[in-house]
Amino acid sequence: MRPTGASLQPAGVGLAPRGPAPPLAVQPGMVGPPLPPVVLGGSLDQACPEGAAVPGMPGCTYGKWRITNARLMQMEYDFQGDFKVKGESVKLAVDHPTATGDTGWRVWDGGILLAKALETKLKTWTSKEHPVVLELGCGSGIASIAAAFLGAEVYATDRDCIRDRTLKNIALNQGTIQKRGGSCEFKVVDWNNIARDAGNVPRSPDLIIASDVVWDDSFMVPLANALDALHKDPKVPVVLCQKERCKEMDDKLLQVLGQAGFKLVDRFGSKEATPETEFHHDAVWFCVLQR
């Protein structure tokens, strides 16, 4: 299910607040023909409304996703020792399934794949021995914890309502994080208050990551504004991992990020992300962006 009709105000960093954006040419490296202009701050698709109100989002009702793959990897692990990064167990306190509205409390398939991709590709994305990694929309913290297992200095960021659950997960893994020479801190970064929260990230990152953070089009502009505020070094890559729910929406996401100045430099699937076949998922894809 996906909400339609939501209209979130952009945080005001560099992008037009409402109305149609100017046509965008295909960015270098983008695949396919130019996309139509993006309507910022509104819903891309009003099809198939079911009428149920989305809690906490006045005027927003549920519609239907076109699901391309029904597999839910999060249901295949209890995260009490059966999910590993570099041979170390990532332990998480999670809910199966998540209650409506509690999206940050579940372990999303994109987070699982991003954690495994970091295991094999972190040194490709940054050459530093102990890089500063910033995760946007960290939710359960699975990818941030994985990066910390790999020796990174990690800032896991999300809304304040996610803080306690993420801190609990970090604490469950603190012994391994310290043993592996990493660190992981939670910081509040609300994309809709990015002017207020950008200063909560104390260091400039060497890598920015995010997974399954755009499952509705209303998150696209806030994400672009957050990246605009936090991404200062053009050499720093941004790695997004998404589970495809609607191809048109994924294309629109790349277009919105292109408008914010982020160029697609690589796009690949789960088979390129990890050699472990149990994590190969046809609906999960990655993109690497730079300014």
Protein backbone atom coordinates (compact mmCIF):
# COMPACT_ATOMS: atom_id res chain seq x y z
CA MET A 1 0.00 0.00 0.00
CA ARG A 2 1.17 3.54 -0.64
CA PRO A 3 -0.21 6.92 0.38
CA THR A 4 -1.37 9.26 -2.35
CA GLY A 5 -2.38 12.86 -2.14
CA ALA A 6 0.31 13.89 0.34
CA SER A 7 1.71 17.35 -0.22
CA LEU A 8 4.82 18.01 1.83
CA GLN A 9 6.48 21.39 1.69
CA PRO A 10 10.11 21.15 0.56
CA ALA A 11 12.58 22.24 3.17
CA GLY A 12 13.57 25.22 1.06
CA VAL A 13 17.10 24.35 0.00
CA GLY A 14 17.63 24.98 -3.65
CA LEU A 15 14.43 23.50 -5.09
CA ALA A 16 11.16 25.11 -6.12
CA PRO A 17 8.55 24.74 -3.36
CA ARG A 18 5.50 23.89 -5.50
CA GLY A 19 4.22 23.59 -9.02
CA PRO A 20 5.76 22.04 -12.13
CA ALA A 21 9.51 22.05 -12.43
CA PRO A 22 11.18 23.00 -15.71
CA PRO A 23 11.88 20.09 -18.08
CA LEU A 24 15.02 18.22 -17.16
CA ALA A 25 17.46 16.88 -19.71
CA VAL A 26 18.82 13.40 -19.23
CA GLN A 27 21.79 13.50 -16.89
CA PRO A 28 25.06 11.91 -18.09
CA GLY A 29 24.92 8.22 -17.39
CA MET A 30 21.13 8.08 -17.14
CA VAL A 31 19.50 5.27 -19.04
CA GLY A 32 16.50 5.85 -21.28
CA PRO A 33 14.72 8.83 -22.83
CA PRO A 34 14.10 12.15 -21.06
CA LEU A 35 11.36 12.01 -18.44
CA PRO A 36 8.44 14.45 -18.31
CA PRO A 37 8.72 17.41 -15.95
CA VAL A 38 8.42 16.57 -12.28
CA VAL A 39 5.66 18.08 -10.16
CA LEU A 40 7.38 18.87 -6.88
CA GLY A 41 5.58 18.76 -3.57
CA GLY A 42 2.61 16.72 -4.77
CA SER A 43 1.63 13.18 -5.64
CA LEU A 44 2.80 11.65 -8.90
CA ASP A 45 -0.02 9.17 -9.12
CA GLN A 46 -3.57 9.54 -7.93
CA ALA A 47 -4.60 6.17 -9.35
CA CYS A 48 -6.50 3.49 -7.41
CA PRO A 49 -7.28 5.42 -4.20
CA GLU A 50 -8.82 3.20 -1.56
CA GLY A 51 -9.91 6.06 0.66
CA ALA A 52 -8.38 4.99 3.95
CA ALA A 53 -6.72 7.86 5.82
CA VAL A 54 -2.97 7.59 6.43
CA PRO A 55 -2.29 8.19 10.15
CA GLY A 56 -0.44 11.42 10.80
CA MET A 57 -0.87 12.69 7.22
CA PRO A 58 -4.06 14.76 7.01
CA GLY A 59 -5.77 14.55 3.63
CA CYS A 60 -3.62 11.61 2.53
CA THR A 61 -5.30 8.33 1.63
CA TYR A 62 -3.98 4.91 0.74
CA GLY A 63 -3.67 3.73 -2.84
CA LYS A 64 -2.05 0.62 -4.35
CA TRP A 65 1.52 -0.18 -5.27
CA ARG A 66 2.46 -2.25 -8.26
CA ILE A 67 4.61 -4.79 -6.45
CA THR A 68 7.25 -6.32 -8.69
CA ASN A 69 8.54 -8.93 -6.26
CA ALA A 70 6.69 -10.36 -3.27
CA ARG A 71 9.75 -11.68 -1.45
CA LEU A 72 10.28 -10.05 1.95
CA MET A 73 13.80 -10.79 3.13
CA GLN A 74 13.13 -9.19 6.51
CA MET A 75 10.85 -12.12 7.32
CA GLU A 76 13.67 -14.61 6.68
CA TYR A 77 15.84 -13.48 9.62
CA ASP A 78 15.23 -12.94 13.31
CA PHE A 79 18.39 -10.77 13.62
CA GLN A 80 19.43 -12.52 16.80
CA GLY A 81 22.60 -13.96 15.30
CA ASP A 82 21.49 -15.24 11.89
CA PHE A 83 22.42 -12.13 9.86
CA LYS A 84 26.14 -11.47 9.59
CA VAL A 85 28.49 -8.85 8.19
CA LYS A 86 32.15 -9.85 7.90
CA GLY A 87 31.34 -12.91 10.00
CA GLU A 88 29.93 -10.82 12.86
CA SER A 89 26.28 -11.09 13.92
CA VAL A 90 24.18 -7.96 13.55
CA LYS A 91 21.61 -8.06 16.34
CA LEU A 92 18.44 -6.00 16.06
CA ALA A 93 15.27 -5.48 18.08
CA VAL A 94 12.62 -5.43 15.35
CA ASP A 95 8.90 -5.85 14.88
CA HIS A 96 7.36 -8.34 12.44
CA PRO A 97 5.35 -6.81 10.92
CA THR A 98 5.47 -3.06 11.53
CA ALA A 99 2.34 -1.31 12.69
CA THR A 100 0.91 1.26 10.29
CA GLY A 101 3.06 4.37 10.32
CA ASP A 102 6.02 2.77 12.12
CA THR A 103 8.14 2.47 8.98
CA GLY A 104 11.41 3.19 10.78
CA TRP A 105 10.99 0.23 13.13
CA ARG A 106 11.10 -2.55 10.59
CA VAL A 107 14.11 -3.92 8.73
CA TRP A 108 13.55 -3.12 5.07
CA ASP A 109 14.94 -5.29 2.30
CA GLY A 110 16.94 -2.35 0.95
CA GLY A 111 18.67 -1.99 4.32
CA ILE A 112 19.59 -5.67 4.34
CA LEU A 113 21.07 -5.43 0.84
CA LEU A 114 22.87 -2.17 1.59
CA ALA A 115 24.49 -3.77 4.63
CA LYS A 116 25.74 -6.64 2.47
CA ALA A 117 26.85 -4.26 -0.30
CA LEU A 118 28.94 -2.27 2.18
CA GLU A 119 30.70 -5.51 3.09
CA THR A 120 32.00 -5.87 -0.48
CA LYS A 121 31.99 -2.31 -1.86
CA LEU A 122 32.87 0.10 0.95
CA LYS A 123 36.50 0.27 -0.20
CA THR A 124 35.28 0.94 -3.74
CA TRP A 125 33.17 3.88 -2.64
CA THR A 126 35.81 5.40 -0.35
CA SER A 127 39.52 4.70 -0.01
CA LYS A 128 39.80 5.89 3.59
CA GLU A 129 40.64 3.32 6.23
CA HIS A 130 38.10 4.72 8.70
CA PRO A 131 35.70 6.77 6.57
CA VAL A 132 32.99 9.02 7.93
CA VAL A 133 29.70 7.51 6.76
CA LEU A 134 26.41 9.37 6.94
CA GLU A 135 23.16 7.41 6.63
CA LEU A 136 19.92 9.23 5.88
CA GLY A 137 16.69 7.64 7.09
CA CYS A 138 18.55 4.92 8.99
CA GLY A 139 15.46 3.32 10.56
CA SER A 140 16.56 0.16 12.36
CA GLY A 141 20.19 1.13 11.74
CA ILE A 142 21.16 -2.12 10.01
CA ALA A 143 23.28 -0.45 7.30
CA SER A 144 24.89 1.99 9.75
CA ILE A 145 25.81 -0.85 12.08
CA ALA A 146 27.26 -2.79 9.13
CA ALA A 147 29.41 0.20 8.17
CA ALA A 148 30.61 0.50 11.78
CA PHE A 149 31.51 -3.21 11.73
CA LEU A 150 33.76 -2.31 8.78
CA GLY A 151 35.64 0.30 10.80
CA ALA A 152 33.72 3.40 9.72
CA GLU A 153 32.82 6.41 11.84
CA VAL A 154 29.06 6.38 11.29
CA TYR A 155 26.33 8.93 11.85
CA ALA A 156 22.95 7.21 11.64
CA THR A 157 20.25 9.83 11.12
CA ASP A 158 16.46 9.81 11.16
CA ARG A 159 13.50 11.52 12.79
CA ASP A 160 13.41 11.94 16.57
CA CYS A 161 10.64 9.34 16.96
CA ILE A 162 13.08 6.67 15.70
CA ARG A 163 15.81 7.57 18.19
CA ASP A 164 15.12 5.09 21.00
CA ARG A 165 14.76 2.04 18.76
CA THR A 166 17.89 2.84 16.78
CA LEU A 167 19.91 3.56 19.92
CA LYS A 168 18.83 0.19 21.30
CA ASN A 169 20.07 -1.54 18.15
CA ILE A 170 23.38 0.32 18.27
CA ALA A 171 23.79 -0.69 21.91
CA LEU A 172 23.12 -4.36 21.05
CA ASN A 173 26.09 -4.24 18.67
CA GLN A 174 28.40 -1.89 20.55
CA GLY A 175 30.86 -4.59 21.59
CA THR A 176 31.41 -5.72 18.02
CA ILE A 177 31.56 -2.13 16.74
CA GLN A 178 34.36 -1.33 19.19
CA LYS A 179 36.17 -4.58 18.44
CA ARG A 180 36.10 -3.79 14.73
CA GLY A 181 37.45 -0.27 15.24
CA GLY A 182 34.29 1.60 14.21
CA SER A 183 31.80 3.91 15.88
CA CYS A 184 28.10 4.61 15.42
CA GLU A 185 26.11 7.58 16.73
CA PHE A 186 22.48 8.47 16.18
CA LYS A 187 21.66 12.06 15.18
CA VAL A 188 18.27 13.61 14.53
CA VAL A 189 17.97 14.77 10.93
CA ASP A 190 14.41 15.40 9.80
CA TRP A 191 14.38 16.16 6.08
CA ASN A 192 11.40 18.46 6.50
CA ASN A 193 13.43 20.51 8.98
CA ILE A 194 16.79 20.25 7.28
CA ALA A 195 17.73 23.89 7.88
CA ARG A 196 17.36 23.20 11.61
CA ASP A 197 18.94 19.73 11.67
CA ALA A 198 21.82 19.86 9.17
CA GLY A 199 24.12 21.09 11.93
CA ASN A 200 23.45 17.93 13.96
CA VAL A 201 25.93 16.05 11.74
CA PRO A 202 29.28 17.03 13.26
CA ARG A 203 31.62 15.99 10.44
CA SER A 204 31.66 16.16 6.66
CA PRO A 205 31.03 12.63 5.33
CA ASP A 206 33.23 10.60 3.02
CA LEU A 207 30.17 8.58 1.95
CA ILE A 208 26.42 9.16 2.17
CA ILE A 209 24.09 6.15 2.13
CA ALA A 210 20.35 5.53 2.25
CA SER A 211 18.09 2.54 1.67
CA ASP A 212 14.37 2.22 0.90
CA VAL A 213 13.81 5.82 1.94
CA VAL A 214 11.56 6.74 -1.00
CA TRP A 215 8.55 4.45 -0.94
CA ASP A 216 6.23 7.34 -1.75
CA ASP A 217 6.82 10.29 -4.06
CA SER A 218 6.23 12.81 -1.26
CA PHE A 219 9.68 11.95 0.11
CA MET A 220 11.59 12.83 -3.08
CA VAL A 221 11.93 16.58 -2.64
CA PRO A 222 12.72 16.41 1.10
CA LEU A 223 15.44 13.84 0.32
CA ALA A 224 16.86 16.06 -2.41
CA ASN A 225 16.86 19.03 -0.03
CA ALA A 226 18.60 17.00 2.67
CA LEU A 227 21.29 15.87 0.24
CA ASP A 228 21.70 19.43 -1.00
CA ALA A 229 22.30 20.62 2.56
CA LEU A 230 24.60 17.80 3.68
CA HIS A 231 26.59 16.97 0.54
CA LYS A 232 29.37 19.53 0.21
CA ASP A 233 32.27 17.69 -1.43
CA PRO A 234 31.62 16.76 -5.09
CA LYS A 235 34.02 13.82 -4.76
CA VAL A 236 31.83 12.19 -2.10
CA PRO A 237 29.52 9.50 -3.53
CA VAL A 238 25.89 9.05 -2.54
CA VAL A 239 24.74 5.42 -2.58
CA LEU A 240 21.02 4.69 -2.62
CA CYS A 241 19.49 1.23 -2.42
CA GLN A 242 15.84 0.91 -3.41
CA LYS A 243 13.34 -1.91 -3.66
CA GLU A 244 11.32 -1.31 -6.80
CA ARG A 245 7.64 -0.85 -6.07
CA CYS A 246 6.86 1.27 -9.09
CA LYS A 247 9.36 1.74 -11.93
CA GLU A 248 7.88 5.11 -12.86
CA MET A 249 8.49 6.34 -9.33
CA ASP A 250 12.10 5.14 -9.38
CA ASP A 251 12.64 7.04 -12.64
CA LYS A 252 11.10 10.15 -11.12
CA LEU A 253 13.38 9.85 -8.10
CA LEU A 254 16.45 9.97 -10.31
CA GLN A 255 15.01 12.96 -12.13
CA VAL A 256 14.35 14.90 -8.92
CA LEU A 257 17.88 14.17 -7.70
CA GLY A 258 19.17 15.24 -11.10
CA GLN A 259 17.43 18.58 -10.63
CA ALA A 260 19.29 18.94 -7.35
CA GLY A 261 22.57 18.47 -9.24
CA PHE A 262 23.26 14.79 -8.56
CA LYS A 263 24.51 12.82 -11.56
CA LEU A 264 23.96 9.09 -11.87
CA VAL A 265 27.38 7.45 -12.25
CA ASP A 266 26.49 3.80 -11.63
CA ARG A 267 23.43 1.60 -11.33
CA PHE A 268 23.44 -2.11 -10.55
CA GLY A 269 21.44 -4.93 -9.02
CA SER A 270 21.84 -7.14 -5.99
CA LYS A 271 23.96 -9.71 -7.83
CA GLU A 272 26.67 -7.08 -8.28
CA ALA A 273 26.27 -5.92 -4.69
CA THR A 274 27.09 -9.22 -3.00
CA PRO A 275 28.32 -12.64 -4.10
CA GLU A 276 26.08 -14.34 -1.51
CA THR A 277 23.20 -15.79 -3.53
CA GLU A 278 20.76 -15.85 -0.61
CA PHE A 279 20.71 -12.04 -0.82
CA HIS A 280 20.07 -11.82 -4.56
CA HIS A 281 16.75 -10.05 -5.07
CA ASP A 282 15.48 -9.07 -8.51
CA ALA A 283 13.51 -6.07 -7.22
CA VAL A 284 16.37 -4.39 -5.34
CA TRP A 285 18.65 -1.97 -7.17
CA PHE A 286 21.47 0.42 -6.29
CA CYS A 287 22.58 3.73 -7.70
CA VAL A 288 25.69 5.79 -7.08
CA LEU A 289 25.39 9.55 -7.52
CA GLN A 290 27.85 12.43 -7.46
CA ARG A 291 27.67 16.16 -8.04
